[in-house]
C-alpha atoms as a PDB file:
ATOM      1  CA  UNK A   1      34.990  20.714 -16.489  1.00  0.00           C
ATOM      2  CA  UNK A   2      31.372  20.465 -15.391  1.00  0.00           C
ATOM      3  CA  UNK A   3      30.720  20.485 -11.659  1.00  0.00           C
ATOM      4  CA  UNK A   4      29.829  16.999 -10.504  1.00  0.00           C
ATOM      5  CA  UNK A   5      28.581  17.730  -6.970  1.00  0.00           C
ATOM      6  CA  UNK A   6      26.910  20.557  -5.052  1.00  0.00           C
ATOM      7  CA  UNK A   7      25.734  21.256  -1.506  1.00  0.00           C
ATOM      8  CA  UNK A   8      22.070  21.902  -0.707  1.00  0.00           C
ATOM      9  CA  UNK A   9      19.431  21.079   1.944  1.00  0.00           C
ATOM     10  CA  UNK A  10      19.219  17.395   2.765  1.00  0.00           C
ATOM     11  CA  UNK A  11      16.291  15.186   3.753  1.00  0.00           C
ATOM     12  CA  UNK A  12      18.743  13.229   5.947  1.00  0.00           C
ATOM     13  CA  UNK A  13      20.040  16.109   8.061  1.00  0.00           C
ATOM     14  CA  UNK A  14      20.649  19.830   7.511  1.00  0.00           C
ATOM     15  CA  UNK A  15      22.881  20.294   4.501  1.00  0.00           C
ATOM     16  CA  UNK A  16      24.032  17.527   2.188  1.00  0.00           C
ATOM     17  CA  UNK A  17      26.048  17.028  -0.973  1.00  0.00           C
ATOM     18  CA  UNK A  18      24.386  15.760  -4.138  1.00  0.00           C
ATOM     19  CA  UNK A  19      25.527  14.393  -7.487  1.00  0.00           C
ATOM     20  CA  UNK A  20      24.714  16.837 -10.304  1.00  0.00           C
ATOM     21  CA  UNK A  21      25.504  14.259 -12.994  1.00  0.00           C
ATOM     22  CA  UNK A  22      25.761  10.475 -13.133  1.00  0.00           C
ATOM     23  CA  UNK A  23      29.060   9.417 -11.535  1.00  0.00           C
ATOM     24  CA  UNK A  24      30.875   6.117 -12.056  1.00  0.00           C
ATOM     25  CA  UNK A  25      32.027   3.807  -9.272  1.00  0.00           C
ATOM     26  CA  UNK A  26      35.539   4.597  -8.039  1.00  0.00           C
ATOM     27  CA  UNK A  27      35.534   8.268  -9.029  1.00  0.00           C
ATOM     28  CA  UNK A  28      37.342  10.564  -6.582  1.00  0.00           C
ATOM     29  CA  UNK A  29      34.733  13.218  -5.797  1.00  0.00           C
ATOM     30  CA  UNK A  30      36.269  15.695  -3.398  1.00  0.00           C
ATOM     31  CA  UNK A  31      38.956  16.227  -0.782  1.00  0.00           C
ATOM     32  CA  UNK A  32      37.867  16.727   2.831  1.00  0.00           C
ATOM     33  CA  UNK A  33      39.636  19.983   3.654  1.00  0.00           C
ATOM     34  CA  UNK A  34      40.022  22.246   6.650  1.00  0.00           C
ATOM     35  CA  UNK A  35      42.487  23.470   9.224  1.00  0.00           C
ATOM     36  CA  UNK A  36      45.141  20.942  10.212  1.00  0.00           C
ATOM     37  CA  UNK A  37      45.284  20.431  13.978  1.00  0.00           C
ATOM     38  CA  UNK A  38      47.278  18.052  16.105  1.00  0.00           C
ATOM     39  CA  UNK A  39      45.164  15.557  18.026  1.00  0.00           C
ATOM     40  CA  UNK A  40      46.092  17.412  21.245  1.00  0.00           C
ATOM     41  CA  UNK A  41      45.013  20.771  19.763  1.00  0.00           C
ATOM     42  CA  UNK A  42      41.681  19.297  18.646  1.00  0.00           C
ATOM     43  CA  UNK A  43      41.154  17.718  22.069  1.00  0.00           C
ATOM     44  CA  UNK A  44      41.724  21.089  23.769  1.00  0.00           C
ATOM     45  CA  UNK A  45      39.672  23.080  21.269  1.00  0.00           C
ATOM     46  CA  UNK A  46      36.691  20.704  21.333  1.00  0.00           C
ATOM     47  CA  UNK A  47      36.905  19.342  24.889  1.00  0.00           C
ATOM     48  CA  UNK A  48      33.548  18.230  26.274  1.00  0.00           C
ATOM     49  CA  UNK A  49      31.678  18.628  22.977  1.00  0.00           C
ATOM     50  CA  UNK A  50      30.662  14.998  22.453  1.00  0.00           C
ATOM     51  CA  UNK A  51      27.254  15.978  23.868  1.00  0.00           C
ATOM     52  CA  UNK A  52      26.484  18.137  20.819  1.00  0.00           C
ATOM     53  CA  UNK A  53      26.150  15.291  18.300  1.00  0.00           C
ATOM     54  CA  UNK A  54      27.819  17.489  15.694  1.00  0.00           C
ATOM     55  CA  UNK A  55      31.391  17.658  14.460  1.00  0.00           C
ATOM     56  CA  UNK A  56      33.392  18.599  11.400  1.00  0.00           C
ATOM     57  CA  UNK A  57      36.540  16.865  12.676  1.00  0.00           C
ATOM     58  CA  UNK A  58      38.083  14.108  10.581  1.00  0.00           C
ATOM     59  CA  UNK A  59      40.926  11.992  11.988  1.00  0.00           C
ATOM     60  CA  UNK A  60      43.680  12.098   9.393  1.00  0.00           C
ATOM     61  CA  UNK A  61      46.209   9.845  11.140  1.00  0.00           C
ATOM     62  CA  UNK A  62      47.629   9.213  14.621  1.00  0.00           C
ATOM     63  CA  UNK A  63      49.009  12.763  14.882  1.00  0.00           C
ATOM     64  CA  UNK A  64      46.626  15.025  12.987  1.00  0.00           C
ATOM     65  CA  UNK A  65      42.956  15.947  12.603  1.00  0.00           C
ATOM     66  CA  UNK A  66      41.268  18.016   9.893  1.00  0.00           C
ATOM     67  CA  UNK A  67      38.934  20.680  11.305  1.00  0.00           C
ATOM     68  CA  UNK A  68      36.494  21.594   8.529  1.00  0.00           C
ATOM     69  CA  UNK A  69      34.979  24.302  10.771  1.00  0.00           C
ATOM     70  CA  UNK A  70      37.887  26.426   9.498  1.00  0.00           C
ATOM     71  CA  UNK A  71      38.444  26.664   5.718  1.00  0.00           C
ATOM     72  CA  UNK A  72      36.462  23.464   5.117  1.00  0.00           C
ATOM     73  CA  UNK A  73      35.388  22.245   1.687  1.00  0.00           C
ATOM     74  CA  UNK A  74      31.797  21.237   0.919  1.00  0.00           C
ATOM     75  CA  UNK A  75      32.839  17.671   1.800  1.00  0.00           C
ATOM     76  CA  UNK A  76      31.995  18.639   5.401  1.00  0.00           C
ATOM     77  CA  UNK A  77      28.306  18.569   4.383  1.00  0.00           C
ATOM     78  CA  UNK A  78      28.355  14.933   3.222  1.00  0.00           C
ATOM     79  CA  UNK A  79      26.000  13.099   5.584  1.00  0.00           C
ATOM     80  CA  UNK A  80      26.463   9.753   7.302  1.00  0.00           C
ATOM     81  CA  UNK A  81      24.648   6.616   6.201  1.00  0.00           C
ATOM     82  CA  UNK A  82      24.638   3.056   7.486  1.00  0.00           C
ATOM     83  CA  UNK A  83      24.345   2.028   3.784  1.00  0.00           C
ATOM     84  CA  UNK A  84      26.803   4.520   2.238  1.00  0.00           C
ATOM     85  CA  UNK A  85      27.374   5.137  -1.445  1.00  0.00           C
ATOM     86  CA  UNK A  86      30.806   6.732  -0.882  1.00  0.00           C
ATOM     87  CA  UNK A  87      33.872   6.063   1.240  1.00  0.00           C
ATOM     88  CA  UNK A  88      36.506   8.333   2.735  1.00  0.00           C
ATOM     89  CA  UNK A  89      40.070   7.173   2.047  1.00  0.00           C
ATOM     90  CA  UNK A  90      43.202   8.567   3.677  1.00  0.00           C
ATOM     91  CA  UNK A  91      45.918   8.994   1.074  1.00  0.00           C
ATOM     92  CA  UNK A  92      49.289   8.998   2.785  1.00  0.00           C
ATOM     93  CA  UNK A  93      51.873  11.495   1.587  1.00  0.00           C
ATOM     94  CA  UNK A  94      54.523  10.039  -0.744  1.00  0.00           C
ATOM     95  CA  UNK A  95      57.280  11.615   1.352  1.00  0.00           C
ATOM     96  CA  UNK A  96      55.922  10.126   4.601  1.00  0.00           C
ATOM     97  CA  UNK A  97      55.049  13.508   6.147  1.00  0.00           C
ATOM     98  CA  UNK A  98      51.784  12.917   8.081  1.00  0.00           C
ATOM     99  CA  UNK A  99      50.928  16.646   7.794  1.00  0.00           C
ATOM    100  CA  UNK A 100      50.546  16.133   4.036  1.00  0.00           C
ATOM    101  CA  UNK A 101      48.158  13.159   4.225  1.00  0.00           C
ATOM    102  CA  UNK A 102      44.806  13.833   2.546  1.00  0.00           C
ATOM    103  CA  UNK A 103      41.246  12.531   2.835  1.00  0.00           C
ATOM    104  CA  UNK A 104      39.521  11.813  -0.465  1.00  0.00           C
ATOM    105  CA  UNK A 105      35.830  10.928  -0.818  1.00  0.00           C
ATOM    106  CA  UNK A 106      35.258   8.310  -3.522  1.00  0.00           C
ATOM    107  CA  UNK A 107      32.121   6.758  -5.027  1.00  0.00           C
ATOM    108  CA  UNK A 108      31.601   3.152  -3.821  1.00  0.00           C
ATOM    109  CA  UNK A 109      29.102   2.455  -6.577  1.00  0.00           C
ATOM    110  CA  UNK A 110      27.619   4.281  -9.568  1.00  0.00           C
ATOM    111  CA  UNK A 111      25.691   7.384  -8.465  1.00  0.00           C
ATOM    112  CA  UNK A 112      22.697   8.859 -10.269  1.00  0.00           C
ATOM    113  CA  UNK A 113      22.272  12.600 -10.843  1.00  0.00           C
ATOM    114  CA  UNK A 114      20.304  14.005  -7.891  1.00  0.00           C
ATOM    115  CA  UNK A 115      21.445  11.287  -5.453  1.00  0.00           C
ATOM    116  CA  UNK A 116      22.785  12.394  -2.072  1.00  0.00           C
ATOM    117  CA  UNK A 117      26.374  11.406  -1.297  1.00  0.00           C
ATOM    118  CA  UNK A 118      26.874   9.581   2.016  1.00  0.00           C
ATOM    119  CA  UNK A 119      29.618   7.717   3.838  1.00  0.00           C
ATOM    120  CA  UNK A 120      29.961   5.910   7.155  1.00  0.00           C
ATOM    121  CA  UNK A 121      31.449   8.388   9.635  1.00  0.00           C
ATOM    122  CA  UNK A 122      32.765   5.619  11.897  1.00  0.00           C
ATOM    123  CA  UNK A 123      32.788   7.903  14.942  1.00  0.00           C
ATOM    124  CA  UNK A 124      34.667   6.459  17.897  1.00  0.00           C
ATOM    125  CA  UNK A 125      34.323   8.094  21.311  1.00  0.00           C
ATOM    126  CA  UNK A 126      36.625   7.313  24.210  1.00  0.00           C
ATOM    127  CA  UNK A 127      33.879   7.454  26.830  1.00  0.00           C
ATOM    128  CA  UNK A 128      31.354   4.714  27.564  1.00  0.00           C
ATOM    129  CA  UNK A 129      28.588   4.551  24.929  1.00  0.00           C
ATOM    130  CA  UNK A 130      25.511   5.182  27.023  1.00  0.00           C
ATOM    131  CA  UNK A 131      21.969   5.173  25.601  1.00  0.00           C
ATOM    132  CA  UNK A 132      22.024   8.978  26.056  1.00  0.00           C
ATOM    133  CA  UNK A 133      25.188   9.377  23.920  1.00  0.00           C
ATOM    134  CA  UNK A 134      23.839   6.994  21.272  1.00  0.00           C
ATOM    135  CA  UNK A 135      20.690   9.131  21.078  1.00  0.00           C
ATOM    136  CA  UNK A 136      22.697  12.385  20.844  1.00  0.00           C
ATOM    137  CA  UNK A 137      24.679  10.823  17.986  1.00  0.00           C
ATOM    138  CA  UNK A 138      21.505   9.336  16.466  1.00  0.00           C
ATOM    139  CA  UNK A 139      21.488   8.306  12.838  1.00  0.00           C
ATOM    140  CA  UNK A 140      18.857   9.694  10.468  1.00  0.00           C
ATOM    141  CA  UNK A 141      19.951   7.891   7.301  1.00  0.00           C
ATOM    142  CA  UNK A 142      16.678   5.992   6.866  1.00  0.00           C
ATOM    143  CA  UNK A 143      18.400   2.836   5.584  1.00  0.00           C
ATOM    144  CA  UNK A 144      16.709  -0.504   6.333  1.00  0.00           C
ATOM    145  CA  UNK A 145      20.131  -1.482   7.760  1.00  0.00           C
ATOM    146  CA  UNK A 146      20.339   1.602  10.010  1.00  0.00           C
ATOM    147  CA  UNK A 147      22.002   0.853  13.344  1.00  0.00           C
ATOM    148  CA  UNK A 148      20.454   3.941  14.966  1.00  0.00           C
ATOM    149  CA  UNK A 149      23.669   5.770  15.840  1.00  0.00           C
ATOM    150  CA  UNK A 150      26.735   7.266  14.160  1.00  0.00           C
ATOM    151  CA  UNK A 151      28.911   5.779  16.907  1.00  0.00           C
ATOM    152  CA  UNK A 152      30.889   2.618  16.316  1.00  0.00           C
ATOM    153  CA  UNK A 153      30.514  -0.114  18.941  1.00  0.00           C
ATOM    154  CA  UNK A 154      33.445  -0.712  21.279  1.00  0.00           C
ATOM    155  CA  UNK A 155      33.228  -4.446  20.496  1.00  0.00           C
ATOM    156  CA  UNK A 156      32.393  -6.071  17.179  1.00  0.00           C
ATOM    157  CA  UNK A 157      28.850  -7.474  17.056  1.00  0.00           C
ATOM    158  CA  UNK A 158      28.434 -11.166  17.791  1.00  0.00           C
ATOM    159  CA  UNK A 159      27.859 -13.437  14.796  1.00  0.00           C
ATOM    160  CA  UNK A 160      24.159 -14.104  14.212  1.00  0.00           C
ATOM    161  CA  UNK A 161      24.591 -17.853  14.645  1.00  0.00           C
ATOM    162  CA  UNK A 162      26.002 -17.344  18.153  1.00  0.00           C
ATOM    163  CA  UNK A 163      23.235 -14.887  19.040  1.00  0.00           C
ATOM    164  CA  UNK A 164      20.559 -17.308  17.771  1.00  0.00           C
ATOM    165  CA  UNK A 165      22.058 -20.195  19.748  1.00  0.00           C
ATOM    166  CA  UNK A 166      21.498 -18.276  22.977  1.00  0.00           C
ATOM    167  CA  UNK A 167      17.876 -17.460  22.180  1.00  0.00           C
ATOM    168  CA  UNK A 168      16.717 -20.993  21.342  1.00  0.00           C
ATOM    169  CA  UNK A 169      14.329 -22.724  23.671  1.00  0.00           C
ATOM    170  CA  UNK A 170      15.328 -26.235  24.658  1.00  0.00           C
END
């Protein structure tokens, strides 16, 4: 089978993963692999690292995290985008063992050969999202819909109609 994707330098950030051939919507592209850690192990190993703006950790489920720093696949090089062309899905193990759950990256739409693969990281930090943290976790996707940070807001954004109602002059 012909390779469909490859890692190389990215205009978004550092390394990236690119389609080598045209890829149809819905195609499973790659598994996000790495060392399986419990959430507690990951918290101890990476304590106080939210200031780096860099991680290869992927939350698998309530108990486990995948650490692609150790034995990671090239999926760790897929960059974030606020307008992603891929999505990461957690496939739960058929036998219910959370250690066997897997993360699969799938195409959200047709991809052209040469196109960089991206997905929304959806990073959630426990601490308060200060302007400093938002800048550290700044987004470089370049999308017109870019929100400026990889961090998810603690609260959902207000609907535009409600926001506009508050800004009207009477």
